[in-house]
Amino acid sequence: MWVSAPRVERIRTRLALTGLPIIGMALVLGIVLVAVGLNLPSSHSPINVIGVMTGGIGAFWGFLSGLSLATARSCAQGEYVDVNNARLVRRLLGVWWGGTIFCVLFPLFFEVMALRDEVPFTVGSAVYLAVLVILVVLGGLAFFTARGVFRLS
């Protein structure tokens, strides 16, 4: 689909300026999630360790969201936007975001249940829960950025 060259430049810039920070943040948050999660008071339970690993997979989905957003720049070149590839990127970002939500729900549930059972609420618990929520927000940011950028009508 033809669009003006300045609009293509705005599309490419916005995708890069959103996708690259999401990649970096997902990597850092994944490392923080595992490091903090394995040192929680509830980490003596095997089910909570499985929850931490599932949260790490959620961070990987966030990384894939940023990577998809950053590489979606190839959909817009010159004065042309490849709408089929743009549609594919939007669908992929929806899947990555859904995967993040799915993988974050388990550790959230496990940690909240552990906190109900006489496990003290610590700063580590707060950081762990906040990182899980931030991962979901990053996936949503990537999805809605692509949806807004590739709305060409």
C-alpha atoms as a PDB file:
ATOM      1  CA  MET A   1       0.000   0.000   0.000  1.00  0.00           C
ATOM      2  CA  TRP A   2       1.340   3.396  -0.892  1.00  0.00           C
ATOM      3  CA  VAL A   3       1.883   5.941   1.902  1.00  0.00           C
ATOM      4  CA  SER A   4       3.922   9.114   1.982  1.00  0.00           C
ATOM      5  CA  ALA A   5       7.667   8.890   2.640  1.00  0.00           C
ATOM      6  CA  PRO A   6       7.483  11.000   5.848  1.00  0.00           C
ATOM      7  CA  ARG A   7       4.787   8.668   7.200  1.00  0.00           C
ATOM      8  CA  VAL A   8       6.957   5.625   6.424  1.00  0.00           C
ATOM      9  CA  GLU A   9       9.828   7.279   8.300  1.00  0.00           C
ATOM     10  CA  ARG A  10       7.563   7.918  11.300  1.00  0.00           C
ATOM     11  CA  ILE A  11       6.438   4.277  11.223  1.00  0.00           C
ATOM     12  CA  ARG A  12      10.004   2.972  11.082  1.00  0.00           C
ATOM     13  CA  THR A  13      11.181   5.355  13.819  1.00  0.00           C
ATOM     14  CA  ARG A  14       8.325   4.549  16.181  1.00  0.00           C
ATOM     15  CA  LEU A  15       8.777   0.809  15.727  1.00  0.00           C
ATOM     16  CA  ALA A  16      12.499   1.039  16.474  1.00  0.00           C
ATOM     17  CA  LEU A  17      12.095   3.439  19.405  1.00  0.00           C
ATOM     18  CA  THR A  18       9.532   1.152  21.000  1.00  0.00           C
ATOM     19  CA  GLY A  19      10.867  -2.273  20.055  1.00  0.00           C
ATOM     20  CA  LEU A  20      14.508  -1.869  21.056  1.00  0.00           C
ATOM     21  CA  PRO A  21      13.810  -0.701  24.638  1.00  0.00           C
ATOM     22  CA  ILE A  22      11.287  -3.526  25.054  1.00  0.00           C
ATOM     23  CA  ILE A  23      13.992  -6.021  24.037  1.00  0.00           C
ATOM     24  CA  GLY A  24      16.406  -4.631  26.618  1.00  0.00           C
ATOM     25  CA  MET A  25      13.798  -4.360  29.351  1.00  0.00           C
ATOM     26  CA  ALA A  26      12.544  -7.908  28.776  1.00  0.00           C
ATOM     27  CA  LEU A  27      16.078  -9.268  29.075  1.00  0.00           C
ATOM     28  CA  VAL A  28      16.776  -7.337  32.273  1.00  0.00           C
ATOM     29  CA  LEU A  29      13.376  -8.131  33.771  1.00  0.00           C
ATOM     30  CA  GLY A  30      13.801 -11.830  32.961  1.00  0.00           C
ATOM     31  CA  ILE A  31      17.112 -11.931  34.802  1.00  0.00           C
ATOM     32  CA  VAL A  32      15.712  -9.958  37.750  1.00  0.00           C
ATOM     33  CA  LEU A  33      12.631 -12.187  37.834  1.00  0.00           C
ATOM     34  CA  VAL A  34      14.642 -15.398  38.118  1.00  0.00           C
ATOM     35  CA  ALA A  35      17.206 -13.940  40.529  1.00  0.00           C
ATOM     36  CA  VAL A  36      14.592 -12.477  42.879  1.00  0.00           C
ATOM     37  CA  GLY A  37      12.122 -15.340  42.469  1.00  0.00           C
ATOM     38  CA  LEU A  38      14.612 -18.016  43.472  1.00  0.00           C
ATOM     39  CA  ASN A  39      15.501 -16.059  46.644  1.00  0.00           C
ATOM     40  CA  LEU A  40      11.939 -15.518  47.881  1.00  0.00           C
ATOM     41  CA  PRO A  41      10.804 -16.994  51.203  1.00  0.00           C
ATOM     42  CA  SER A  42       8.359 -19.128  49.213  1.00  0.00           C
ATOM     43  CA  SER A  43      11.080 -20.587  46.965  1.00  0.00           C
ATOM     44  CA  HIS A  44      11.424 -23.666  49.184  1.00  0.00           C
ATOM     45  CA  SER A  45       8.303 -25.006  47.486  1.00  0.00           C
ATOM     46  CA  PRO A  46       8.897 -26.797  44.157  1.00  0.00           C
ATOM     47  CA  ILE A  47       5.669 -25.388  42.724  1.00  0.00           C
ATOM     48  CA  ASN A  48       6.929 -21.846  43.270  1.00  0.00           C
ATOM     49  CA  VAL A  49      10.198 -22.684  41.528  1.00  0.00           C
ATOM     50  CA  ILE A  50       8.138 -23.923  38.576  1.00  0.00           C
ATOM     51  CA  GLY A  51       6.265 -20.612  38.745  1.00  0.00           C
ATOM     52  CA  VAL A  52       9.535 -18.673  38.580  1.00  0.00           C
ATOM     53  CA  MET A  53      10.602 -20.633  35.509  1.00  0.00           C
ATOM     54  CA  THR A  54       7.208 -20.057  33.897  1.00  0.00           C
ATOM     55  CA  GLY A  55       7.635 -16.344  34.585  1.00  0.00           C
ATOM     56  CA  GLY A  56      11.029 -16.547  32.859  1.00  0.00           C
ATOM     57  CA  ILE A  57       9.273 -17.972  29.817  1.00  0.00           C
ATOM     58  CA  GLY A  58       6.899 -14.999  30.028  1.00  0.00           C
ATOM     59  CA  ALA A  59       9.931 -12.711  29.881  1.00  0.00           C
ATOM     60  CA  PHE A  60      11.024 -14.578  26.753  1.00  0.00           C
ATOM     61  CA  TRP A  61       7.634 -13.822  25.155  1.00  0.00           C
ATOM     62  CA  GLY A  62       8.210 -10.165  26.040  1.00  0.00           C
ATOM     63  CA  PHE A  63      11.618 -10.349  24.370  1.00  0.00           C
ATOM     64  CA  LEU A  64       9.979 -11.805  21.248  1.00  0.00           C
ATOM     65  CA  SER A  65       7.424  -8.971  21.287  1.00  0.00           C
ATOM     66  CA  GLY A  66      10.179  -6.359  21.224  1.00  0.00           C
ATOM     67  CA  LEU A  67      12.087  -8.266  18.569  1.00  0.00           C
ATOM     68  CA  SER A  68       9.000  -8.552  16.372  1.00  0.00           C
ATOM     69  CA  LEU A  69       8.291  -4.862  16.791  1.00  0.00           C
ATOM     70  CA  ALA A  70      11.854  -3.837  15.957  1.00  0.00           C
ATOM     71  CA  THR A  71      12.052  -6.067  12.889  1.00  0.00           C
ATOM     72  CA  ALA A  72       8.628  -4.935  11.676  1.00  0.00           C
ATOM     73  CA  ARG A  73      10.439  -1.921  10.275  1.00  0.00           C
ATOM     74  CA  SER A  74      11.021  -4.009   7.157  1.00  0.00           C
ATOM     75  CA  CYS A  75       7.275  -3.791   6.444  1.00  0.00           C
ATOM     76  CA  ALA A  76       7.673  -0.083   5.655  1.00  0.00           C
ATOM     77  CA  GLN A  77      10.227   0.948   3.061  1.00  0.00           C
ATOM     78  CA  GLY A  78      10.389   3.826   0.622  1.00  0.00           C
ATOM     79  CA  GLU A  79       6.796   4.899   0.063  1.00  0.00           C
ATOM     80  CA  TYR A  80       5.301   1.475   0.546  1.00  0.00           C
ATOM     81  CA  VAL A  81       3.915  -0.526   3.475  1.00  0.00           C
ATOM     82  CA  ASP A  82       3.520  -4.274   3.062  1.00  0.00           C
ATOM     83  CA  VAL A  83       0.089  -4.703   4.625  1.00  0.00           C
ATOM     84  CA  ASN A  84       0.231  -8.509   4.604  1.00  0.00           C
ATOM     85  CA  ASN A  85       3.424  -8.599   6.653  1.00  0.00           C
ATOM     86  CA  ALA A  86       2.121  -5.803   8.886  1.00  0.00           C
ATOM     87  CA  ARG A  87      -0.994  -7.897   9.558  1.00  0.00           C
ATOM     88  CA  LEU A  88       1.208 -10.900  10.345  1.00  0.00           C
ATOM     89  CA  VAL A  89       3.277  -8.827  12.799  1.00  0.00           C
ATOM     90  CA  ARG A  90       0.129  -7.629  14.562  1.00  0.00           C
ATOM     91  CA  ARG A  91      -1.104 -11.206  14.906  1.00  0.00           C
ATOM     92  CA  LEU A  92       2.257 -12.400  16.189  1.00  0.00           C
ATOM     93  CA  LEU A  93       2.353  -9.621  18.753  1.00  0.00           C
ATOM     94  CA  GLY A  94      -1.096 -10.680  19.932  1.00  0.00           C
ATOM     95  CA  VAL A  95       0.151 -14.250  20.344  1.00  0.00           C
ATOM     96  CA  TRP A  96       3.317 -13.124  22.176  1.00  0.00           C
ATOM     97  CA  TRP A  97       1.243 -10.916  24.490  1.00  0.00           C
ATOM     98  CA  GLY A  98      -1.203 -13.758  25.133  1.00  0.00           C
ATOM     99  CA  GLY A  99       1.723 -16.061  25.911  1.00  0.00           C
ATOM    100  CA  THR A 100       3.107 -13.512  28.333  1.00  0.00           C
ATOM    101  CA  ILE A 101      -0.231 -13.188  30.107  1.00  0.00           C
ATOM    102  CA  PHE A 102      -0.620 -16.968  30.301  1.00  0.00           C
ATOM    103  CA  CYS A 103       2.909 -17.506  31.630  1.00  0.00           C
ATOM    104  CA  VAL A 104       2.643 -14.684  34.174  1.00  0.00           C
ATOM    105  CA  LEU A 105      -0.677 -15.828  35.645  1.00  0.00           C
ATOM    106  CA  PHE A 106       0.838 -18.999  37.124  1.00  0.00           C
ATOM    107  CA  PRO A 107       3.656 -17.380  39.107  1.00  0.00           C
ATOM    108  CA  LEU A 108       1.317 -14.583  40.214  1.00  0.00           C
ATOM    109  CA  PHE A 109      -1.162 -17.155  41.491  1.00  0.00           C
ATOM    110  CA  PHE A 110       1.527 -19.278  43.156  1.00  0.00           C
ATOM    111  CA  GLU A 111       3.126 -16.320  44.911  1.00  0.00           C
ATOM    112  CA  VAL A 112      -0.192 -14.877  46.120  1.00  0.00           C
ATOM    113  CA  MET A 113      -1.211 -18.299  47.461  1.00  0.00           C
ATOM    114  CA  ALA A 114       2.174 -18.655  49.188  1.00  0.00           C
ATOM    115  CA  LEU A 115       1.753 -15.207  50.758  1.00  0.00           C
ATOM    116  CA  ARG A 116      -1.583 -16.320  52.207  1.00  0.00           C
ATOM    117  CA  ASP A 117       0.114 -19.288  53.934  1.00  0.00           C
ATOM    118  CA  GLU A 118       2.198 -17.609  56.632  1.00  0.00           C
ATOM    119  CA  VAL A 119       5.029 -16.661  54.253  1.00  0.00           C
ATOM    120  CA  PRO A 120       6.154 -13.123  55.060  1.00  0.00           C
ATOM    121  CA  PHE A 121       5.635 -10.395  52.488  1.00  0.00           C
ATOM    122  CA  THR A 122       9.090  -8.991  51.743  1.00  0.00           C
ATOM    123  CA  VAL A 123      10.537  -6.384  49.425  1.00  0.00           C
ATOM    124  CA  GLY A 124      11.591  -9.268  47.177  1.00  0.00           C
ATOM    125  CA  SER A 125       7.971 -10.387  46.931  1.00  0.00           C
ATOM    126  CA  ALA A 126       6.901  -6.882  45.936  1.00  0.00           C
ATOM    127  CA  VAL A 127       9.655  -6.639  43.308  1.00  0.00           C
ATOM    128  CA  TYR A 128       8.781 -10.102  41.973  1.00  0.00           C
ATOM    129  CA  LEU A 129       5.077  -9.281  41.620  1.00  0.00           C
ATOM    130  CA  ALA A 130       5.859  -5.874  40.063  1.00  0.00           C
ATOM    131  CA  VAL A 131       8.202  -7.440  37.490  1.00  0.00           C
ATOM    132  CA  LEU A 132       5.505  -9.924  36.502  1.00  0.00           C
ATOM    133  CA  VAL A 133       2.996  -7.118  35.963  1.00  0.00           C
ATOM    134  CA  ILE A 134       5.538  -5.019  34.033  1.00  0.00           C
ATOM    135  CA  LEU A 135       6.115  -7.926  31.640  1.00  0.00           C
ATOM    136  CA  VAL A 136       2.426  -7.991  30.772  1.00  0.00           C
ATOM    137  CA  VAL A 137       2.433  -4.215  30.292  1.00  0.00           C
ATOM    138  CA  LEU A 138       5.432  -4.449  27.919  1.00  0.00           C
ATOM    139  CA  GLY A 139       3.639  -7.036  25.775  1.00  0.00           C
ATOM    140  CA  GLY A 140       0.564  -4.821  25.634  1.00  0.00           C
ATOM    141  CA  LEU A 141       2.694  -1.811  24.748  1.00  0.00           C
ATOM    142  CA  ALA A 142       4.217  -3.699  21.824  1.00  0.00           C
ATOM    143  CA  PHE A 143       0.831  -4.930  20.620  1.00  0.00           C
ATOM    144  CA  PHE A 144      -0.905  -1.561  20.780  1.00  0.00           C
ATOM    145  CA  THR A 145       2.066   0.260  19.254  1.00  0.00           C
ATOM    146  CA  ALA A 146       1.961  -2.002  16.206  1.00  0.00           C
ATOM    147  CA  ARG A 147      -1.799  -1.716  16.029  1.00  0.00           C
ATOM    148  CA  GLY A 148      -1.611   2.073  16.048  1.00  0.00           C
ATOM    149  CA  VAL A 149       1.351   2.368  13.683  1.00  0.00           C
ATOM    150  CA  PHE A 150      -0.019  -0.005  11.075  1.00  0.00           C
ATOM    151  CA  ARG A 151      -3.508   1.498  11.024  1.00  0.00           C
ATOM    152  CA  LEU A 152      -3.223   2.866   7.507  1.00  0.00           C
ATOM    153  CA  SER A 153      -6.767   3.715   6.555  1.00  0.00           C
END
